[in-house]
Protein backbone atom coordinates (compact mmCIF):
# COMPACT_ATOMS: atom_id res chain seq x y z
CA UNK A 1 78.11 203.20 102.65
CA UNK A 2 79.01 199.89 101.11
CA UNK A 3 82.15 199.59 98.97
CA UNK A 4 81.64 199.84 95.20
CA UNK A 5 82.61 196.19 94.63
CA UNK A 6 79.55 195.06 96.64
CA UNK A 7 76.95 196.24 94.07
CA UNK A 8 74.61 193.36 93.22
CA UNK A 9 76.23 191.03 95.77
CA UNK A 10 73.95 189.19 98.22
CA UNK A 11 74.10 190.80 101.67
CA UNK A 12 74.14 189.23 105.11
CA UNK A 13 73.52 191.19 108.31
CA UNK A 14 75.72 190.06 111.21
CA UNK A 15 75.78 191.25 114.82
CA UNK A 16 79.03 191.24 116.84
CA UNK A 17 80.16 191.98 120.38
CA UNK A 18 82.47 190.78 123.15
CA UNK A 19 81.63 189.52 126.61
CA UNK A 20 84.02 189.20 129.55
CA UNK A 21 83.67 185.93 131.41
CA UNK A 22 85.67 185.32 134.52
CA UNK A 23 86.06 184.47 138.13
CA UNK A 24 84.23 187.59 139.28
CA UNK A 25 81.13 186.51 137.41
CA UNK A 26 77.56 187.58 137.84
CA UNK A 27 75.03 186.07 140.17
CA UNK A 28 71.83 184.87 138.57
CA UNK A 29 68.47 183.68 139.70
CA UNK A 30 68.15 180.13 140.99
CA UNK A 31 65.09 178.07 141.82
CA UNK A 32 64.49 177.71 145.53
CA UNK A 33 61.69 177.07 147.94
CA UNK A 34 59.66 180.17 148.82
CA UNK A 35 61.07 181.83 151.92
CA UNK A 36 64.46 180.13 151.70
CA UNK A 37 67.74 181.87 150.91
CA UNK A 38 70.09 179.43 149.19
CA UNK A 39 73.71 180.55 149.15
CA UNK A 40 75.10 181.85 145.88
CA UNK A 41 78.73 181.24 145.07
CA UNK A 42 80.91 184.18 144.08
CA UNK A 43 84.61 184.31 143.37
CA UNK A 44 86.89 187.21 144.27
CA UNK A 45 89.78 186.24 141.99
CA UNK A 46 90.45 188.10 138.74
CA UNK A 47 91.16 185.64 135.88
CA UNK A 48 88.92 186.24 132.89
CA UNK A 49 88.59 185.60 129.16
CA UNK A 50 86.84 187.50 126.41
CA UNK A 51 84.25 185.74 124.28
CA UNK A 52 84.12 187.41 120.86
CA UNK A 53 80.86 186.37 119.19
CA UNK A 54 78.98 187.16 116.00
CA UNK A 55 75.75 185.81 114.53
CA UNK A 56 73.87 186.03 111.25
CA UNK A 57 70.21 185.52 112.24
CA UNK A 58 68.97 184.91 108.69
CA UNK A 59 71.29 181.93 108.24
CA UNK A 60 71.37 181.00 111.96
CA UNK A 61 75.17 180.74 111.90
CA UNK A 62 77.89 182.35 113.93
CA UNK A 63 81.58 182.65 114.62
CA UNK A 64 83.32 183.03 117.95
CA UNK A 65 86.75 183.18 119.52
CA UNK A 66 87.78 183.07 123.17
CA UNK A 67 90.80 185.28 123.78
CA UNK A 68 92.64 186.58 126.85
CA UNK A 69 92.42 190.24 125.81
CA UNK A 70 90.55 192.77 123.67
CA UNK A 71 92.47 194.76 121.08
CA UNK A 72 92.50 195.61 117.38
CA UNK A 73 94.57 192.48 116.80
CA UNK A 74 92.03 190.31 118.62
CA UNK A 75 89.18 191.94 116.68
CA UNK A 76 91.07 191.35 113.42
CA UNK A 77 91.30 187.65 114.28
CA UNK A 78 87.58 187.59 114.97
CA UNK A 79 86.85 189.31 111.66
CA UNK A 80 88.89 186.61 109.90
CA UNK A 81 86.77 183.94 111.60
CA UNK A 82 83.54 185.70 110.58
CA UNK A 83 84.80 186.17 107.02
CA UNK A 84 85.33 182.42 106.71
CA UNK A 85 81.66 181.76 107.64
CA UNK A 86 80.10 184.42 105.38
CA UNK A 87 78.40 182.63 102.51
CA UNK A 88 80.58 182.34 99.42
CA UNK A 89 79.96 185.28 97.07
CA UNK A 90 78.10 187.28 99.75
CA UNK A 91 79.07 190.43 101.62
CA UNK A 92 78.51 190.85 105.38
CA UNK A 93 77.38 194.05 107.05
CA UNK A 94 78.68 193.63 110.59
CA UNK A 95 76.80 195.65 113.23
CA UNK A 96 79.10 196.40 116.17
CA UNK A 97 79.40 198.91 119.00
CA UNK A 98 81.83 201.80 119.15
CA UNK A 99 84.63 200.11 121.07
CA UNK A 100 88.07 201.48 120.24
CA UNK A 101 89.25 198.16 118.81
CA UNK A 102 86.33 198.20 116.31
CA UNK A 103 87.54 201.36 114.61
CA UNK A 104 89.26 201.23 111.26
CA UNK A 105 92.27 203.38 110.48
CA UNK A 106 94.61 201.81 113.00
CA UNK A 107 95.73 198.23 113.30
CA UNK A 108 92.28 196.73 112.59
CA UNK A 109 92.30 194.54 109.47
CA UNK A 110 88.84 194.21 107.90
CA UNK A 111 88.40 191.46 105.26
CA UNK A 112 87.07 192.56 101.87
CA UNK A 113 83.80 190.63 102.33
CA UNK A 114 82.87 192.55 105.52
CA UNK A 115 81.75 196.14 106.08
CA UNK A 116 81.55 197.44 109.66
CA UNK A 117 78.38 199.30 110.67
CA UNK A 118 78.92 201.00 114.04
CA UNK A 119 75.94 201.50 116.32
CA UNK A 120 75.18 204.88 117.82
CA UNK A 121 76.60 205.38 121.31
CA UNK A 122 74.68 204.03 124.29
CA UNK A 123 72.34 201.86 122.20
CA UNK A 124 73.10 198.23 123.12
CA UNK A 125 69.41 197.36 122.65
CA UNK A 126 70.00 197.66 118.89
CA UNK A 127 72.47 194.77 118.96
CA UNK A 128 70.78 191.35 119.34
CA UNK A 129 74.07 189.75 120.37
CA UNK A 130 73.39 191.30 123.78
CA UNK A 131 70.47 188.85 124.03
CA UNK A 132 72.90 186.02 123.25
CA UNK A 133 75.11 187.06 126.17
CA UNK A 134 72.10 187.17 128.49
CA UNK A 135 71.01 183.69 127.34
CA UNK A 136 74.50 182.18 127.65
CA UNK A 137 75.14 183.75 131.06
CA UNK A 138 71.71 182.76 132.38
CA UNK A 139 71.89 179.17 131.15
CA UNK A 140 75.57 178.20 131.20
CA UNK A 141 77.86 180.63 133.00
CA UNK A 142 76.19 182.06 136.11
CA UNK A 143 76.65 180.78 139.66
CA UNK A 144 79.89 179.09 138.65
CA UNK A 145 83.36 179.23 140.18
CA UNK A 146 86.29 178.35 137.94
CA UNK A 147 89.66 177.45 139.42
CA UNK A 148 91.78 178.17 136.35
CA UNK A 149 91.84 180.26 133.19
CA UNK A 150 91.58 177.07 131.12
CA UNK A 151 88.31 176.19 132.89
CA UNK A 152 86.94 179.62 131.96
CA UNK A 153 87.92 179.10 128.31
CA UNK A 154 86.37 175.61 128.28
CA UNK A 155 83.13 176.93 129.80
CA UNK A 156 82.95 179.71 127.19
CA UNK A 157 83.53 177.24 124.36
CA UNK A 158 80.92 174.80 125.67
CA UNK A 159 78.37 177.60 126.15
CA UNK A 160 78.90 179.09 122.68
CA UNK A 161 78.94 175.71 120.92
CA UNK A 162 75.76 174.61 122.69
CA UNK A 163 74.05 177.87 121.73
CA UNK A 164 75.20 178.07 118.09
CA UNK A 165 74.26 174.47 117.25
CA UNK A 166 70.63 175.12 118.27
CA UNK A 167 69.65 176.95 115.06
CA UNK A 168 66.07 177.50 116.22
CA UNK A 169 67.32 179.28 119.33
CA UNK A 170 69.89 181.30 117.38
CA UNK A 171 67.17 182.60 115.06
CA UNK A 172 64.67 183.28 117.86
CA UNK A 173 67.15 185.13 120.10
CA UNK A 174 68.77 187.26 117.38
CA UNK A 175 66.25 187.85 114.56
CA UNK A 176 64.95 191.37 113.99
CA UNK A 177 62.54 192.29 111.18
CA UNK A 178 64.36 195.58 110.59
CA UNK A 179 67.63 193.71 109.91
CA UNK A 180 66.43 191.37 107.18
CA UNK A 181 67.87 191.70 103.67
CA UNK A 182 67.48 189.70 100.46
CA UNK A 183 64.13 188.15 101.48
């Protein structure tokens, strides 16, 4: 349920999630001649960063942070960043999964212009941000070996910024007819 102060306020639907990016990354598909087996690079070290991302498909905007950990404090920082991008005078309904750091009642600070809407358990297909992670990993982050934590952070920032500035792609990857409000 939305807070009472939201009545009559324009609504925005946002989707949020986190993705771990690090030295033990995923292997992806690469183009190669039929019958050949090109080597894929994989790293066995353990440095990683967390890319917190959120998008509003209707406005084709987003907010992201790259942090070294996940926690209620990190999520609170991300909520602040989202709050700053929500259109002035509007209220955001933020769809997120059931991670422990997404739950209110503890140290999580939720801005007054955001209401969290948790997804049911084991339903990542309901969160279009999962498609963003697949796009970013497949186009910017796979088959890459980073030597330092700073290189991981830089790669995450470049990938997110490249994605979020392509408003046509943002809308096409994240739009869902069932999540449209205020047509």
